[in-house]
């Protein structure tokens, strides 16, 4: 049988004829002459399609349509009637009817209408399954952690996801900003639309402008054809701007105008193109400081920062390291015939006592490395990088180097000194190889390179 169709008509002969036609087409009919009994059948049988007359005593087809869709919003409804008019057809479609058949209709007309409705039902259910998979892959459950600091973030992003407001995700490198952005998209009304990610720091300004807004053929050397921009590709969905602080100032004005007017123009083009995107941005920099220094437009800051989500660093997520380690062991522990299932207590103590300047990404890389090196089913201290268990030197601030400063300034100085010391140590450990040092730090090469340039460190 291709599917189940509920037939509701107060004329027994019509019901019998429809049953015969559908059964001959391999479709299982369920029928009743009472619309209220039809509602009970929808609850109990969950048919794939509802086929109902428009004019019936007690409850007409439009009322049955409304109540049926309240029970199962994915169920197509086909309405037929002997009193067919354009007005009634338009009204039925506006109320959510999938199709409309005037009486009398032929067997082929009925069969084709029902088969089209069954295909629609199959597509709707498949889309529902894909949405469920999307929520499972990128839902809030995919963000591992139960610490109070992360629980507060969960509560905020659950509320933020259901709105259409622009969101700014703040946090250190490696805290999982893109994962949070994907979770927000997957749990938003835009989940069926595209999630388009743009790395603002990885592209030069001319190329970034073309990527965001698209370009016309001949707009510049190498533009051999018209190319849509990523804002067009994200229409109906979410545009994720990673490292938004690195967006060139000259491009910020054009981007702000696009957000305000909800339209763009291709590079080299004059025709306005409407876009409908939700913006989720991310940065590890203090945008307010960038605004004060003239490096970021204040109007754009307010436009993208309707809701701010602050991700805590891993060192502030007490109790989450063990959960993350187990999650990564499950992901990386199986290699060929060898399986790693856990971590020895002493190794777990080392992992939990480390400061993790590279945050979750660094921890992930360390566990993946340990799973590859482990000889048995348990990760041992010997499988971990040496610097994790090396005693840490006391920071300058603790020794009194910045105790004369206010706490925010002293904290900023301590973090700078810690980052510089950490970056230099990683470079020394890997002979000045930036790629290897970045991999060990759990951050991408681009971010590592930007940090050493920021502090004037020579590899």
Protein backbone atom coordinates (compact mmCIF):
# COMPACT_ATOMS: atom_id res chain seq x y z
CA UNK A 1 0.00 0.00 0.00
CA UNK A 2 1.29 3.50 -0.93
CA UNK A 3 -0.31 5.24 2.05
CA UNK A 4 -3.48 5.70 4.08
CA UNK A 5 -6.22 8.12 3.10
CA UNK A 6 -9.15 9.10 5.30
CA UNK A 7 -12.35 9.74 3.29
CA UNK A 8 -15.06 11.83 4.97
CA UNK A 9 -18.38 12.41 3.12
CA UNK A 10 -21.98 12.29 4.27
CA UNK A 11 -22.93 10.38 1.07
CA UNK A 12 -22.26 6.64 1.50
CA UNK A 13 -22.14 6.05 -2.27
CA UNK A 14 -19.42 8.67 -2.72
CA UNK A 15 -17.42 7.10 0.11
CA UNK A 16 -17.75 3.64 -1.46
CA UNK A 17 -16.67 4.89 -4.90
CA UNK A 18 -13.61 6.65 -3.47
CA UNK A 19 -12.66 3.54 -1.49
CA UNK A 20 -12.83 1.40 -4.64
CA UNK A 21 -10.76 3.83 -6.75
CA UNK A 22 -8.04 4.27 -4.13
CA UNK A 23 -7.81 0.57 -3.24
CA UNK A 24 -7.34 -0.23 -6.95
CA UNK A 25 -4.42 2.24 -6.98
CA UNK A 26 -2.74 0.47 -4.04
CA UNK A 27 -3.79 3.09 -1.49
CA UNK A 28 -5.38 2.04 1.80
CA UNK A 29 -8.71 3.85 2.37
CA UNK A 30 -10.20 4.66 5.79
CA UNK A 31 -13.72 6.08 5.64
CA UNK A 32 -16.61 7.54 7.59
CA UNK A 33 -19.79 9.51 6.83
CA UNK A 34 -19.56 11.46 10.10
CA UNK A 35 -17.03 14.33 10.25
CA UNK A 36 -16.75 14.07 14.04
CA UNK A 37 -15.88 10.40 13.69
CA UNK A 38 -13.38 11.56 11.10
CA UNK A 39 -11.61 13.67 13.75
CA UNK A 40 -11.42 10.61 16.02
CA UNK A 41 -9.94 8.62 13.12
CA UNK A 42 -7.27 11.29 12.55
CA UNK A 43 -6.27 11.03 16.22
CA UNK A 44 -6.26 7.22 16.24
CA UNK A 45 -5.15 6.26 12.73
CA UNK A 46 -2.91 9.20 11.77
CA UNK A 47 -3.72 8.96 8.04
CA UNK A 48 -1.36 10.38 5.44
CA UNK A 49 -4.04 12.36 3.57
CA UNK A 50 -7.52 13.65 4.40
CA UNK A 51 -10.09 13.60 1.59
CA UNK A 52 -13.24 15.45 2.66
CA UNK A 53 -16.46 16.89 1.24
CA UNK A 54 -17.02 20.63 1.70
CA UNK A 55 -20.76 20.62 2.56
CA UNK A 56 -21.69 18.25 5.39
CA UNK A 57 -24.20 18.47 8.27
CA UNK A 58 -22.83 19.13 11.74
CA UNK A 59 -19.32 20.12 10.58
CA UNK A 60 -18.37 21.29 7.11
CA UNK A 61 -15.14 20.52 5.30
CA UNK A 62 -13.48 23.83 6.19
CA UNK A 63 -14.04 23.24 9.91
CA UNK A 64 -12.75 19.69 9.57
CA UNK A 65 -9.71 21.01 7.68
CA UNK A 66 -8.87 23.46 10.46
CA UNK A 67 -9.20 20.88 13.24
CA UNK A 68 -7.34 18.20 11.28
CA UNK A 69 -4.37 20.53 10.65
CA UNK A 70 -4.28 21.34 14.36
CA UNK A 71 -3.81 17.62 15.04
CA UNK A 72 -1.30 16.95 12.24
CA UNK A 73 0.11 20.04 10.53
CA UNK A 74 1.94 17.94 7.90
CA UNK A 75 -1.19 16.13 6.64
CA UNK A 76 -2.36 17.32 3.18
CA UNK A 77 -6.11 17.87 2.83
CA UNK A 78 -7.99 17.45 -0.46
CA UNK A 79 -11.48 18.99 -0.55
CA UNK A 80 -14.21 18.09 -3.04
CA UNK A 81 -17.70 19.47 -3.49
CA UNK A 82 -20.59 19.73 -5.95
CA UNK A 83 -20.82 23.45 -5.21
CA UNK A 84 -17.50 24.42 -6.78
CA UNK A 85 -16.77 28.08 -7.23
CA UNK A 86 -13.56 30.03 -7.64
CA UNK A 87 -14.25 31.77 -4.32
CA UNK A 88 -14.64 28.53 -2.40
CA UNK A 89 -11.51 27.08 -4.00
CA UNK A 90 -9.48 30.15 -3.07
CA UNK A 91 -10.84 30.09 0.48
CA UNK A 92 -9.99 26.40 0.87
CA UNK A 93 -6.39 26.91 -0.34
CA UNK A 94 -5.97 29.93 1.94
CA UNK A 95 -7.04 27.81 4.89
CA UNK A 96 -4.38 25.23 4.05
CA UNK A 97 -6.07 22.80 1.65
CA UNK A 98 -3.58 21.01 -0.60
CA UNK A 99 -5.99 20.49 -3.50
CA UNK A 100 -9.60 21.04 -4.54
CA UNK A 101 -11.72 18.70 -6.69
CA UNK A 102 -15.10 19.72 -8.14
CA UNK A 103 -17.78 17.03 -8.34
CA UNK A 104 -18.21 15.03 -10.44
CA UNK A 105 -14.59 13.96 -10.88
CA UNK A 106 -13.11 11.02 -12.71
CA UNK A 107 -11.23 8.13 -11.17
CA UNK A 108 -7.98 9.43 -12.70
CA UNK A 109 -8.53 12.91 -11.28
CA UNK A 110 -9.05 11.50 -7.79
CA UNK A 111 -6.09 9.13 -8.04
CA UNK A 112 -3.71 11.82 -9.31
CA UNK A 113 -4.81 14.34 -6.63
CA UNK A 114 -4.31 11.78 -3.85
CA UNK A 115 -0.95 10.57 -5.21
CA UNK A 116 0.28 14.18 -5.37
CA UNK A 117 -0.88 14.68 -1.77
CA UNK A 118 0.94 11.51 -0.70
CA UNK A 119 4.16 12.78 -2.30
CA UNK A 120 3.71 16.07 -0.46
CA UNK A 121 3.22 14.12 2.78
CA UNK A 122 6.41 12.15 2.18
CA UNK A 123 8.40 15.34 1.53
CA UNK A 124 7.00 17.01 4.66
CA UNK A 125 7.92 14.03 6.83
CA UNK A 126 11.39 13.83 5.29
CA UNK A 127 11.93 17.54 5.98
CA UNK A 128 10.81 16.96 9.57
CA UNK A 129 13.32 14.12 9.93
CA UNK A 130 16.08 16.30 8.48
CA UNK A 131 15.21 19.09 10.92
CA UNK A 132 15.36 16.60 13.78
CA UNK A 133 18.77 15.40 12.57
CA UNK A 134 19.92 19.00 12.30
CA UNK A 135 18.83 19.72 15.85
CA UNK A 136 20.57 16.53 17.00
CA UNK A 137 23.82 17.42 15.22
CA UNK A 138 23.88 21.11 16.00
CA UNK A 139 21.31 21.36 18.77
CA UNK A 140 21.99 22.49 22.31
CA UNK A 141 22.64 18.85 23.25
CA UNK A 142 25.75 18.90 21.04
CA UNK A 143 27.33 21.51 23.36
CA UNK A 144 28.79 19.37 26.14
CA UNK A 145 28.75 20.78 29.66
CA UNK A 146 26.72 21.16 32.85
CA UNK A 147 28.65 23.83 34.70
CA UNK A 148 26.69 26.80 36.09
CA UNK A 149 28.58 29.13 33.73
CA UNK A 150 27.49 27.14 30.67
CA UNK A 151 23.95 26.57 31.98
CA UNK A 152 23.40 30.33 31.97
CA UNK A 153 24.54 30.44 28.34
CA UNK A 154 22.10 27.63 27.45
CA UNK A 155 19.20 29.54 28.95
CA UNK A 156 20.09 32.67 27.00
CA UNK A 157 20.64 31.05 23.60
CA UNK A 158 17.42 29.01 23.88
CA UNK A 159 15.49 32.26 24.25
CA UNK A 160 17.58 34.05 21.63
CA UNK A 161 17.15 31.26 19.07
CA UNK A 162 13.37 31.60 18.88
CA UNK A 163 13.60 35.30 17.95
CA UNK A 164 14.91 36.83 14.74
CA UNK A 165 17.24 39.28 16.51
CA UNK A 166 20.89 39.60 15.51
CA UNK A 167 23.25 37.92 17.98
CA UNK A 168 26.87 38.64 18.90
CA UNK A 169 28.77 35.65 20.34
CA UNK A 170 31.76 36.70 22.44
CA UNK A 171 34.51 34.51 23.84
CA UNK A 172 38.14 33.50 23.68
CA UNK A 173 39.49 31.46 20.77
CA UNK A 174 38.48 27.82 21.00
CA UNK A 175 35.40 28.29 23.22
CA UNK A 176 33.01 27.03 20.53
CA UNK A 177 31.52 30.21 19.09
CA UNK A 178 30.62 28.65 15.73
CA UNK A 179 29.06 25.64 17.46
CA UNK A 180 26.81 28.00 19.42
CA UNK A 181 25.95 29.89 16.22
CA UNK A 182 24.93 26.64 14.51
CA UNK A 183 22.86 25.61 17.53
CA UNK A 184 21.04 28.94 17.46
CA UNK A 185 20.27 28.47 13.75
CA UNK A 186 19.20 24.84 14.12
CA UNK A 187 16.71 25.74 16.86
CA UNK A 188 15.35 28.89 15.21
CA UNK A 189 12.39 29.42 12.86
CA UNK A 190 15.03 29.70 10.11
CA UNK A 191 16.32 26.15 10.64
CA UNK A 192 15.15 25.01 7.20
CA UNK A 193 17.11 27.83 5.56
CA UNK A 194 20.82 27.93 4.87
CA UNK A 195 23.54 28.47 7.47
CA UNK A 196 26.32 30.36 5.70
CA UNK A 197 29.62 30.98 7.51
CA UNK A 198 32.05 33.75 6.54
CA UNK A 199 35.54 34.12 8.03
CA UNK A 200 36.12 37.87 7.96
CA UNK A 201 39.81 37.49 8.86
CA UNK A 202 40.85 35.05 6.16
CA UNK A 203 40.04 37.07 3.03
CA UNK A 204 41.52 40.35 1.70
CA UNK A 205 39.07 43.25 1.51
CA UNK A 206 38.29 43.16 -2.27
CA UNK A 207 37.67 39.43 -2.20
CA UNK A 208 35.63 39.64 1.01
CA UNK A 209 33.37 42.31 -0.53
CA UNK A 210 32.78 40.10 -3.56
CA UNK A 211 32.10 37.06 -1.34
CA UNK A 212 29.56 38.94 0.79
CA UNK A 213 27.72 40.91 -1.89
CA UNK A 214 28.50 39.06 -5.12
CA UNK A 215 29.76 40.63 -8.32
CA UNK A 216 28.75 41.24 -11.91
CA UNK A 217 30.56 39.82 -14.90
CA UNK A 218 33.48 42.10 -15.78
CA UNK A 219 33.38 43.99 -12.46
CA UNK A 220 37.10 43.34 -12.01
CA UNK A 221 39.88 41.30 -13.56
CA UNK A 222 38.96 37.64 -13.32
CA UNK A 223 35.20 38.23 -12.94
CA UNK A 224 34.32 36.09 -15.95
CA UNK A 225 30.71 35.58 -14.85
CA UNK A 226 28.14 37.02 -12.48
CA UNK A 227 28.40 35.46 -9.02
CA UNK A 228 25.78 35.70 -6.23
CA UNK A 229 27.03 36.80 -2.81
CA UNK A 230 26.88 34.87 0.43
CA UNK A 231 24.19 37.23 1.76
CA UNK A 232 22.00 36.10 -1.13
CA UNK A 233 22.82 32.47 -0.40
CA UNK A 234 21.78 32.97 3.24
CA UNK A 235 18.41 34.56 2.42
CA UNK A 236 15.77 32.85 4.54
CA UNK A 237 18.49 31.53 6.84
CA UNK A 238 21.43 32.65 8.97
CA UNK A 239 24.65 34.44 8.02
CA UNK A 240 27.47 33.71 10.49
CA UNK A 241 30.26 36.29 10.49
CA UNK A 242 33.24 34.84 12.31
CA UNK A 243 35.92 37.30 13.50
CA UNK A 244 33.57 40.23 12.79
CA UNK A 245 36.10 42.60 14.39
CA UNK A 246 38.40 41.97 11.42
CA UNK A 247 35.84 43.29 8.92
CA UNK A 248 37.59 46.21 7.15
CA UNK A 249 36.28 49.64 8.20
CA UNK A 250 35.52 50.63 4.60
CA UNK A 251 33.43 47.49 4.18
CA UNK A 252 31.60 47.99 7.47
CA UNK A 253 29.64 50.96 6.06
CA UNK A 254 28.42 48.95 3.09
CA UNK A 255 27.49 46.02 5.30
CA UNK A 256 25.62 48.30 7.72
CA UNK A 257 23.64 49.77 4.82
CA UNK A 258 22.74 46.26 3.64
CA UNK A 259 21.43 45.37 7.10
CA UNK A 260 19.41 48.57 7.39
CA UNK A 261 17.89 48.44 3.90
CA UNK A 262 17.67 44.64 3.67
CA UNK A 263 19.10 44.77 0.18
CA UNK A 264 22.49 44.56 -1.50
CA UNK A 265 24.12 45.44 -4.79
CA UNK A 266 26.67 43.28 -6.57
CA UNK A 267 30.17 44.68 -6.97
CA UNK A 268 29.94 46.46 -10.33
CA UNK A 269 26.15 46.27 -10.30
CA UNK A 270 23.35 48.82 -9.88
CA UNK A 271 20.29 46.61 -9.38
CA UNK A 272 19.16 46.26 -5.73
CA UNK A 273 18.71 42.68 -4.56
CA UNK A 274 16.47 41.99 -1.56
CA UNK A 275 17.95 39.82 1.19
CA UNK A 276 16.39 38.40 4.34
CA UNK A 277 19.08 37.13 6.71
CA UNK A 278 19.61 36.80 10.40
CA UNK A 279 23.10 37.85 11.46
CA UNK A 280 25.04 35.89 14.07
CA UNK A 281 28.51 37.36 14.60
CA UNK A 282 31.46 36.19 16.69
CA UNK A 283 34.68 37.70 17.95
CA UNK A 284 37.30 37.21 20.67
CA UNK A 285 38.03 40.94 20.78
CA UNK A 286 36.43 43.71 22.83
CA UNK A 287 34.30 45.49 20.22
CA UNK A 288 33.58 48.40 22.56
CA UNK A 289 37.31 49.05 22.71
CA UNK A 290 37.49 48.75 18.91
CA UNK A 291 34.65 51.31 18.62
CA UNK A 292 36.49 53.70 20.98
CA UNK A 293 39.65 53.39 18.85
CA UNK A 294 37.74 54.03 15.62
CA UNK A 295 38.40 50.49 14.36
CA UNK A 296 34.74 49.47 14.34
CA UNK A 297 31.66 51.50 13.44
CA UNK A 298 29.46 52.25 16.43
CA UNK A 299 26.22 51.96 14.41
CA UNK A 300 27.23 48.51 13.15
CA UNK A 301 28.14 47.42 16.68
CA UNK A 302 24.64 48.25 17.90
CA UNK A 303 23.07 46.60 14.84
CA UNK A 304 24.81 43.24 15.33
CA UNK A 305 24.74 43.32 19.14
CA UNK A 306 21.00 43.11 19.80
CA UNK A 307 21.63 40.05 21.99
CA UNK A 308 25.15 39.37 23.33
CA UNK A 309 26.15 35.82 24.30
CA UNK A 310 29.32 35.59 26.41
CA UNK A 311 30.94 32.13 26.25
CA UNK A 312 32.96 31.29 29.35
CA UNK A 313 36.54 30.04 28.92
CA UNK A 314 37.11 26.39 29.74
CA UNK A 315 39.00 27.27 32.93
CA UNK A 316 35.76 28.84 34.27
CA UNK A 317 33.60 25.79 33.44
CA UNK A 318 34.17 23.78 36.60
CA UNK A 319 33.28 20.12 36.13
CA UNK A 320 32.96 20.25 32.34
CA UNK A 321 36.45 19.03 31.48
CA UNK A 322 35.69 15.41 32.45
CA UNK A 323 32.48 15.47 30.36
CA UNK A 324 34.30 16.90 27.36
CA UNK A 325 37.16 14.42 27.69
CA UNK A 326 34.75 11.48 27.70
CA UNK A 327 32.93 12.90 24.68
CA UNK A 328 36.18 13.25 22.74
CA UNK A 329 37.32 9.75 23.77
CA UNK A 330 34.09 8.35 22.33
CA UNK A 331 34.76 10.27 19.11
CA UNK A 332 38.46 9.45 18.66
CA UNK A 333 38.93 6.28 20.73
CA UNK A 334 38.25 3.75 17.99
CA UNK A 335 41.10 3.29 15.53
CA UNK A 336 41.29 0.04 13.59
CA UNK A 337 41.28 -2.89 16.01
CA UNK A 338 42.38 -0.74 18.97
CA UNK A 339 39.80 1.01 21.15
CA UNK A 340 40.37 3.61 23.87
CA UNK A 341 37.48 3.70 26.33
CA UNK A 342 38.56 6.02 29.13
CA UNK A 343 41.18 7.99 31.05
CA UNK A 344 43.17 6.91 34.08
CA UNK A 345 42.43 8.97 37.23
CA UNK A 346 45.93 10.48 37.39
CA UNK A 347 45.71 11.57 33.73
CA UNK A 348 42.27 13.07 34.36
CA UNK A 349 43.71 15.05 37.30
CA UNK A 350 46.38 16.48 34.98
CA UNK A 351 43.73 17.43 32.42
CA UNK A 352 41.51 19.07 35.03
CA UNK A 353 44.33 21.06 36.63
CA UNK A 354 45.60 22.60 33.39
CA UNK A 355 44.53 26.19 32.50
CA UNK A 356 43.63 25.43 28.83
CA UNK A 357 44.47 28.79 27.18
CA UNK A 358 43.27 27.24 23.88
CA UNK A 359 39.99 26.24 25.54
CA UNK A 360 37.83 23.41 24.18
CA UNK A 361 39.66 23.24 20.86
CA UNK A 362 42.98 22.68 22.63
CA UNK A 363 41.46 20.01 24.86
CA UNK A 364 39.98 18.29 21.81
CA UNK A 365 43.36 18.17 20.08
CA UNK A 366 45.08 16.86 23.22
CA UNK A 367 42.54 14.04 23.63
CA UNK A 368 42.72 13.13 19.94
CA UNK A 369 46.53 12.94 20.23
CA UNK A 370 46.30 10.86 23.41
CA UNK A 371 43.88 8.40 21.78
CA UNK A 372 46.30 7.95 18.89
CA UNK A 373 49.28 7.34 21.23
CA UNK A 374 47.60 5.20 23.90
CA UNK A 375 48.73 1.56 24.01
CA UNK A 376 45.85 0.29 26.12
CA UNK A 377 42.17 1.02 26.69
CA UNK A 378 42.97 3.87 29.11
CA UNK A 379 44.75 7.16 28.43
CA UNK A 380 47.69 7.57 30.80
CA UNK A 381 49.79 10.57 31.85
CA UNK A 382 52.50 9.36 29.46
CA UNK A 383 50.07 9.83 26.55
CA UNK A 384 49.59 13.53 27.36
CA UNK A 385 51.86 16.41 26.21
CA UNK A 386 54.58 17.18 28.75
CA UNK A 387 53.66 20.84 29.20
CA UNK A 388 50.26 19.88 30.69
CA UNK A 389 51.88 18.50 33.85
CA UNK A 390 54.83 20.94 34.00
CA UNK A 391 54.65 23.29 37.01
CA UNK A 392 53.43 26.74 36.01
CA UNK A 393 55.55 29.76 36.86
CA UNK A 394 53.92 32.45 38.97
CA UNK A 395 52.55 35.29 36.85
CA UNK A 396 54.05 38.76 37.16
CA UNK A 397 50.88 40.21 38.63
CA UNK A 398 50.89 37.76 41.51
CA UNK A 399 54.46 38.79 42.28
CA UNK A 400 53.42 42.40 42.56
CA UNK A 401 54.29 43.54 39.05
CA UNK A 402 50.88 45.17 38.52
CA UNK A 403 49.34 45.38 41.96
CA UNK A 404 49.48 49.16 41.77
CA UNK A 405 46.95 49.07 38.90
CA UNK A 406 43.15 48.87 39.17
CA UNK A 407 41.90 45.28 38.93
CA UNK A 408 40.66 45.47 35.29
CA UNK A 409 44.00 46.87 34.11
CA UNK A 410 46.00 44.42 36.23
CA UNK A 411 43.91 41.55 34.88
CA UNK A 412 44.44 42.70 31.29
CA UNK A 413 48.21 42.94 31.86
CA UNK A 414 48.32 39.48 33.43
CA UNK A 415 46.41 37.99 30.50
CA UNK A 416 48.77 39.67 28.02
CA UNK A 417 51.82 38.31 29.83
CA UNK A 418 50.26 34.87 30.07
CA UNK A 419 49.42 34.81 26.35
CA UNK A 420 52.88 36.03 25.36
CA UNK A 421 54.59 33.44 27.57
CA UNK A 422 52.34 30.69 26.24
CA UNK A 423 52.86 31.63 22.58
CA UNK A 424 56.65 31.87 22.99
CA UNK A 425 56.73 28.50 24.77
CA UNK A 426 54.75 26.84 21.96
CA UNK A 427 57.03 28.37 19.32
CA UNK A 428 60.16 27.27 21.19
CA UNK A 429 58.73 23.79 21.69
CA UNK A 430 58.09 23.42 17.95
CA UNK A 431 61.21 25.10 16.60
CA UNK A 432 59.39 28.21 15.40
CA UNK A 433 56.96 26.21 13.22
CA UNK A 434 53.74 28.23 13.42
CA UNK A 435 51.52 25.46 12.01
CA UNK A 436 52.72 22.92 14.57
CA UNK A 437 52.56 25.45 17.42
CA UNK A 438 48.98 26.43 16.46
CA UNK A 439 47.95 22.78 16.28
CA UNK A 440 49.38 22.10 19.74
CA UNK A 441 47.64 25.21 21.10
CA UNK A 442 44.32 24.02 19.74
CA UNK A 443 43.78 27.08 17.56
CA UNK A 444 43.98 27.60 13.81
CA UNK A 445 47.14 28.89 12.19
CA UNK A 446 45.50 32.19 11.20
CA UNK A 447 44.54 32.99 14.81
CA UNK A 448 47.99 31.99 16.11
CA UNK A 449 49.67 34.18 13.48
CA UNK A 450 47.41 37.11 14.37
CA UNK A 451 48.29 36.76 18.07
CA UNK A 452 52.05 36.71 17.55
CA UNK A 453 51.74 39.74 15.29
CA UNK A 454 49.64 41.46 17.93
CA UNK A 455 52.39 41.00 20.54
CA UNK A 456 55.31 41.50 18.13
CA UNK A 457 56.65 37.98 18.66
CA UNK A 458 59.11 36.80 15.99
CA UNK A 459 58.86 33.12 15.12
